[in-house]
Amino acid sequence: MKNILYSILLCLVALAMGCDDAEKELPFEVSTETWTFPKEGKTGNLIVSAPGAWEVSSHPDWCTLVPDRASGPREVKMECSENTGAERTGTVILTCGAENCMINVSQEGTAVEE
């Protein structure tokens, strides 16, 4: 009788440990929604969290993202070139399926003497 009770208890423990909530799908998001670069330019990293394949669908021509596409979570290098003109702004758009994530980017400009 003890062996049967231990067997039942062992099965219940195994079931309890094996039963997990349905695996949650990763949300599609980025580690920042805004980024300001100095006029000298800069390289920095951001994290893309995605449940599947994603890509950079739009970005200002003065920003480069590497990689510009991947699958799943990934660290992405964003580089902004030097700005020799006025302050500039733009939007980086990443797409995963029907979802978009946007990062508003801006860069200081060189001071204009009056």
C-alpha atoms as a PDB file:
ATOM      1  CA  MET A   1       0.000   0.000   0.000  1.00  0.00           C
ATOM      2  CA  LYS A   2       2.889   2.349   0.823  1.00  0.00           C
ATOM      3  CA  ASN A   3       4.428   1.711  -2.591  1.00  0.00           C
ATOM      4  CA  ILE A   4       1.176   2.654  -4.309  1.00  0.00           C
ATOM      5  CA  LEU A   5       0.845   5.868  -2.264  1.00  0.00           C
ATOM      6  CA  TYR A   6       4.478   6.802  -2.971  1.00  0.00           C
ATOM      7  CA  SER A   7       3.955   6.084  -6.670  1.00  0.00           C
ATOM      8  CA  ILE A   8       0.847   8.264  -6.763  1.00  0.00           C
ATOM      9  CA  LEU A   9       2.606  11.037  -4.852  1.00  0.00           C
ATOM     10  CA  LEU A  10       5.603  10.836  -7.177  1.00  0.00           C
ATOM     11  CA  CYS A  11       3.326  11.053 -10.232  1.00  0.00           C
ATOM     12  CA  LEU A  12       1.513  14.074  -8.784  1.00  0.00           C
ATOM     13  CA  VAL A  13       4.798  15.845  -8.073  1.00  0.00           C
ATOM     14  CA  ALA A  14       6.033  15.087 -11.593  1.00  0.00           C
ATOM     15  CA  LEU A  15       2.796  16.405 -13.095  1.00  0.00           C
ATOM     16  CA  ALA A  16       2.917  19.544 -10.987  1.00  0.00           C
ATOM     17  CA  MET A  17       6.482  20.267 -12.050  1.00  0.00           C
ATOM     18  CA  GLY A  18       5.787  19.544 -15.704  1.00  0.00           C
ATOM     19  CA  CYS A  19       2.631  21.610 -15.913  1.00  0.00           C
ATOM     20  CA  ASP A  20       3.590  25.143 -16.738  1.00  0.00           C
ATOM     21  CA  ASP A  21       1.386  27.889 -18.041  1.00  0.00           C
ATOM     22  CA  ALA A  22       1.353  27.912 -21.802  1.00  0.00           C
ATOM     23  CA  GLU A  23       4.666  29.277 -22.978  1.00  0.00           C
ATOM     24  CA  LYS A  24       4.258  33.007 -23.309  1.00  0.00           C
ATOM     25  CA  GLU A  25       5.170  34.508 -26.634  1.00  0.00           C
ATOM     26  CA  LEU A  26       7.714  37.311 -26.525  1.00  0.00           C
ATOM     27  CA  PRO A  27       6.255  40.751 -27.149  1.00  0.00           C
ATOM     28  CA  PHE A  28       7.630  42.764 -30.050  1.00  0.00           C
ATOM     29  CA  GLU A  29       9.419  45.718 -28.467  1.00  0.00           C
ATOM     30  CA  VAL A  30      12.642  47.692 -28.449  1.00  0.00           C
ATOM     31  CA  SER A  31      14.707  48.793 -25.463  1.00  0.00           C
ATOM     32  CA  THR A  32      14.222  52.510 -26.174  1.00  0.00           C
ATOM     33  CA  GLU A  33      11.633  54.701 -27.867  1.00  0.00           C
ATOM     34  CA  THR A  34      13.827  57.799 -28.205  1.00  0.00           C
ATOM     35  CA  TRP A  35      17.508  58.306 -28.822  1.00  0.00           C
ATOM     36  CA  THR A  36      19.483  61.539 -29.040  1.00  0.00           C
ATOM     37  CA  PHE A  37      22.911  61.524 -30.635  1.00  0.00           C
ATOM     38  CA  PRO A  38      25.683  64.122 -30.219  1.00  0.00           C
ATOM     39  CA  LYS A  39      26.724  66.137 -33.272  1.00  0.00           C
ATOM     40  CA  GLU A  40      29.997  64.140 -33.483  1.00  0.00           C
ATOM     41  CA  GLY A  41      28.032  60.960 -34.155  1.00  0.00           C
ATOM     42  CA  LYS A  42      27.942  57.865 -31.989  1.00  0.00           C
ATOM     43  CA  THR A  43      27.422  54.129 -31.978  1.00  0.00           C
ATOM     44  CA  GLY A  44      25.212  52.463 -29.415  1.00  0.00           C
ATOM     45  CA  ASN A  45      23.309  49.228 -28.870  1.00  0.00           C
ATOM     46  CA  LEU A  46      19.639  48.550 -28.455  1.00  0.00           C
ATOM     47  CA  ILE A  47      17.770  45.337 -27.783  1.00  0.00           C
ATOM     48  CA  VAL A  48      15.015  44.087 -30.060  1.00  0.00           C
ATOM     49  CA  SER A  49      12.657  41.569 -28.465  1.00  0.00           C
ATOM     50  CA  ALA A  50      10.583  39.722 -31.049  1.00  0.00           C
ATOM     51  CA  PRO A  51       8.596  36.489 -31.282  1.00  0.00           C
ATOM     52  CA  GLY A  52       9.806  35.853 -34.823  1.00  0.00           C
ATOM     53  CA  ALA A  53      11.429  37.431 -37.864  1.00  0.00           C
ATOM     54  CA  TRP A  54      11.755  41.220 -37.847  1.00  0.00           C
ATOM     55  CA  GLU A  55      13.391  43.869 -40.023  1.00  0.00           C
ATOM     56  CA  VAL A  56      14.251  47.552 -40.096  1.00  0.00           C
ATOM     57  CA  SER A  57      11.683  48.848 -42.550  1.00  0.00           C
ATOM     58  CA  SER A  58      12.639  52.534 -42.412  1.00  0.00           C
ATOM     59  CA  HIS A  59      15.420  54.704 -40.998  1.00  0.00           C
ATOM     60  CA  PRO A  60      16.979  58.120 -41.581  1.00  0.00           C
ATOM     61  CA  ASP A  61      19.848  58.028 -44.058  1.00  0.00           C
ATOM     62  CA  TRP A  62      22.241  59.244 -41.352  1.00  0.00           C
ATOM     63  CA  CYS A  63      21.570  56.201 -39.139  1.00  0.00           C
ATOM     64  CA  THR A  64      22.780  52.664 -39.806  1.00  0.00           C
ATOM     65  CA  LEU A  65      21.474  49.578 -37.979  1.00  0.00           C
ATOM     66  CA  VAL A  66      23.335  46.245 -37.944  1.00  0.00           C
ATOM     67  CA  PRO A  67      21.854  43.748 -38.321  1.00  0.00           C
ATOM     68  CA  ASP A  68      18.899  45.234 -40.157  1.00  0.00           C
ATOM     69  CA  ARG A  69      16.942  41.981 -39.910  1.00  0.00           C
ATOM     70  CA  ALA A  70      16.961  38.895 -37.691  1.00  0.00           C
ATOM     71  CA  SER A  71      14.694  36.394 -35.991  1.00  0.00           C
ATOM     72  CA  GLY A  72      13.882  36.539 -32.297  1.00  0.00           C
ATOM     73  CA  PRO A  73      15.601  38.662 -29.655  1.00  0.00           C
ATOM     74  CA  ARG A  74      18.760  40.407 -30.773  1.00  0.00           C
ATOM     75  CA  GLU A  75      21.173  43.162 -29.866  1.00  0.00           C
ATOM     76  CA  VAL A  76      21.373  45.752 -32.648  1.00  0.00           C
ATOM     77  CA  LYS A  77      24.129  48.291 -33.229  1.00  0.00           C
ATOM     78  CA  MET A  78      22.855  51.731 -34.263  1.00  0.00           C
ATOM     79  CA  GLU A  79      25.404  54.147 -35.643  1.00  0.00           C
ATOM     80  CA  CYS A  80      24.783  57.798 -36.346  1.00  0.00           C
ATOM     81  CA  SER A  81      27.172  59.716 -38.588  1.00  0.00           C
ATOM     82  CA  GLU A  82      28.615  63.145 -37.766  1.00  0.00           C
ATOM     83  CA  ASN A  83      26.253  66.074 -38.272  1.00  0.00           C
ATOM     84  CA  THR A  84      27.821  69.197 -39.761  1.00  0.00           C
ATOM     85  CA  GLY A  85      24.485  70.969 -40.252  1.00  0.00           C
ATOM     86  CA  ALA A  86      21.396  71.889 -38.274  1.00  0.00           C
ATOM     87  CA  GLU A  87      19.738  69.627 -35.705  1.00  0.00           C
ATOM     88  CA  ARG A  88      17.995  66.714 -37.381  1.00  0.00           C
ATOM     89  CA  THR A  89      15.291  64.250 -36.420  1.00  0.00           C
ATOM     90  CA  GLY A  90      13.877  61.053 -37.843  1.00  0.00           C
ATOM     91  CA  THR A  91      12.157  57.792 -37.065  1.00  0.00           C
ATOM     92  CA  VAL A  92      13.468  54.249 -37.162  1.00  0.00           C
ATOM     93  CA  ILE A  93      10.695  51.717 -37.836  1.00  0.00           C
ATOM     94  CA  LEU A  94      11.113  48.014 -37.135  1.00  0.00           C
ATOM     95  CA  THR A  95       8.515  45.549 -38.393  1.00  0.00           C
ATOM     96  CA  CYS A  96       7.605  42.081 -37.126  1.00  0.00           C
ATOM     97  CA  GLY A  97       4.642  40.623 -38.998  1.00  0.00           C
ATOM     98  CA  ALA A  98       1.873  43.242 -38.800  1.00  0.00           C
ATOM     99  CA  GLU A  99       3.427  45.034 -35.797  1.00  0.00           C
ATOM    100  CA  ASN A 100       5.696  48.079 -35.848  1.00  0.00           C
ATOM    101  CA  CYS A 101       8.037  49.529 -33.242  1.00  0.00           C
ATOM    102  CA  MET A 102       9.244  53.097 -33.643  1.00  0.00           C
ATOM    103  CA  ILE A 103      12.312  54.820 -32.275  1.00  0.00           C
ATOM    104  CA  ASN A 104      12.398  58.611 -32.534  1.00  0.00           C
ATOM    105  CA  VAL A 105      15.983  59.673 -33.185  1.00  0.00           C
ATOM    106  CA  SER A 106      17.453  63.139 -33.078  1.00  0.00           C
ATOM    107  CA  GLN A 107      20.922  64.562 -33.427  1.00  0.00           C
ATOM    108  CA  GLU A 108      22.391  67.794 -32.214  1.00  0.00           C
ATOM    109  CA  GLY A 109      23.565  70.145 -34.924  1.00  0.00           C
ATOM    110  CA  THR A 110      26.518  72.448 -35.106  1.00  0.00           C
ATOM    111  CA  ALA A 111      25.895  75.808 -33.475  1.00  0.00           C
ATOM    112  CA  VAL A 112      25.005  78.529 -35.952  1.00  0.00           C
ATOM    113  CA  GLU A 113      26.493  81.957 -35.199  1.00  0.00           C
ATOM    114  CA  GLU A 114      24.127  84.864 -35.460  1.00  0.00           C
END
